[in-house]
Every structure is written in structure tokens, then in C-alpha cells.
Protein backbone atom coordinates (compact mmCIF):
# COMPACT_ATOMS: atom_id res chain seq x y z
CA MET A 1 34.62 13.30 -9.20
CA SER A 2 35.20 17.01 -9.79
CA THR A 3 38.05 18.43 -11.79
CA GLY A 4 40.45 20.33 -9.52
CA SER A 5 42.19 23.52 -10.48
CA SER A 6 45.50 21.65 -10.56
CA GLN A 7 44.31 19.90 -13.72
CA GLN A 8 43.35 23.14 -15.46
CA GLU A 9 46.08 24.81 -17.45
CA THR A 10 46.95 28.35 -16.38
CA ASP A 11 46.94 31.03 -19.05
CA TYR A 12 49.91 33.34 -19.16
CA ALA A 13 50.77 36.74 -20.59
CA VAL A 14 54.13 37.53 -22.12
CA VAL A 15 55.69 40.46 -20.30
CA VAL A 16 58.75 42.54 -21.12
CA ASN A 17 60.83 44.94 -19.03
CA GLN A 18 62.64 48.17 -19.96
CA GLN A 19 65.78 46.21 -20.80
CA GLY A 20 63.89 44.17 -23.42
CA GLN A 21 63.96 40.99 -21.34
CA TYR A 22 60.93 38.71 -21.68
CA SER A 23 59.12 36.49 -19.21
CA ILE A 24 55.70 34.94 -18.70
CA TRP A 25 53.26 35.90 -15.97
CA PRO A 26 49.93 34.31 -14.93
CA ILE A 27 47.12 36.41 -16.41
CA ASN A 28 45.20 36.38 -13.13
CA LYS A 29 48.07 38.17 -11.31
CA ILE A 30 48.97 41.86 -11.42
CA VAL A 31 52.02 42.47 -13.61
CA PRO A 32 54.95 43.55 -11.37
CA ASN A 33 56.36 47.07 -11.52
CA GLY A 34 58.85 47.50 -14.33
CA TRP A 35 57.14 44.96 -16.59
CA THR A 36 54.48 45.49 -19.26
CA LYS A 37 52.39 43.08 -21.27
CA ALA A 38 53.87 42.38 -24.70
CA GLY A 39 50.52 41.65 -26.35
CA LYS A 40 50.60 37.85 -26.34
CA GLN A 41 48.80 35.51 -23.97
CA GLY A 42 47.75 31.89 -23.92
CA SER A 43 49.17 28.59 -22.76
CA LYS A 44 52.66 28.41 -21.30
CA ALA A 45 53.93 26.64 -24.42
CA CYS A 46 52.36 29.26 -26.71
CA CYS A 47 53.89 32.13 -24.73
CA LEU A 48 57.32 30.51 -24.61
CA ALA A 49 57.22 29.92 -28.37
CA PHE A 50 56.42 33.62 -28.87
CA ILE A 51 59.39 34.59 -26.67
CA ASP A 52 61.68 32.25 -28.63
CA GLU A 53 60.80 34.14 -31.82
CA ALA A 54 60.73 37.67 -30.37
CA TRP A 55 63.74 37.65 -28.05
CA THR A 56 66.63 37.05 -30.41
CA ASP A 57 69.31 38.94 -28.47
CA MET A 58 69.43 37.88 -24.83
CA ARG A 59 71.60 40.81 -23.76
CA PRO A 60 69.88 43.66 -21.90
CA ARG A 61 69.30 46.77 -24.02
CA SER A 62 71.86 48.72 -22.00
CA LEU A 63 74.57 46.20 -22.92
CA GLN A 64 73.45 46.09 -26.56
CA ALA A 65 73.78 49.88 -26.77
CA ARG A 66 77.32 49.82 -25.33
CA THR A 67 78.35 47.05 -27.72
CA HIS A 68 77.03 48.85 -30.81
CA SER A 69 78.32 52.30 -29.90
CA GLY A 70 81.92 51.60 -29.40
């Protein structure tokens, strides 16, 4: 019996947008416009753990700037 692709774990890349919001994206797909790779890739669990540590303020950057400036 052969091992199907459904049993293989997909590797992901951590991506971030201009507002500082993080997500994960399959490494075999082109990163959508407005998102860039954040320099971390691996299993879904590994990428999500990285995001948990890196994304400490869930507010978009534009909202953070308004909150801190006034």
C-alpha cells in the first residue's frame, strides 16, 4: 500500500502583512500580494508557535500608532 499525500504533513511558511498581522501559508504556494515571508517555515505547529511568540499585539499597526500617538 502506498502512502498518499494526505498522510504527509504540509510545510508552511510564516507570512506577515504591512499591518504586522501574521499567518501561515503552504510553502508550495505563491505568497499572496501584500504578504511577505517572515523567515520561519516548518510544520504547522512550529509556525504557529513562532507566531505566538512574535505577534504579541494583535492590533494592526495603524491602530497601534493611533493609540500611542494620542
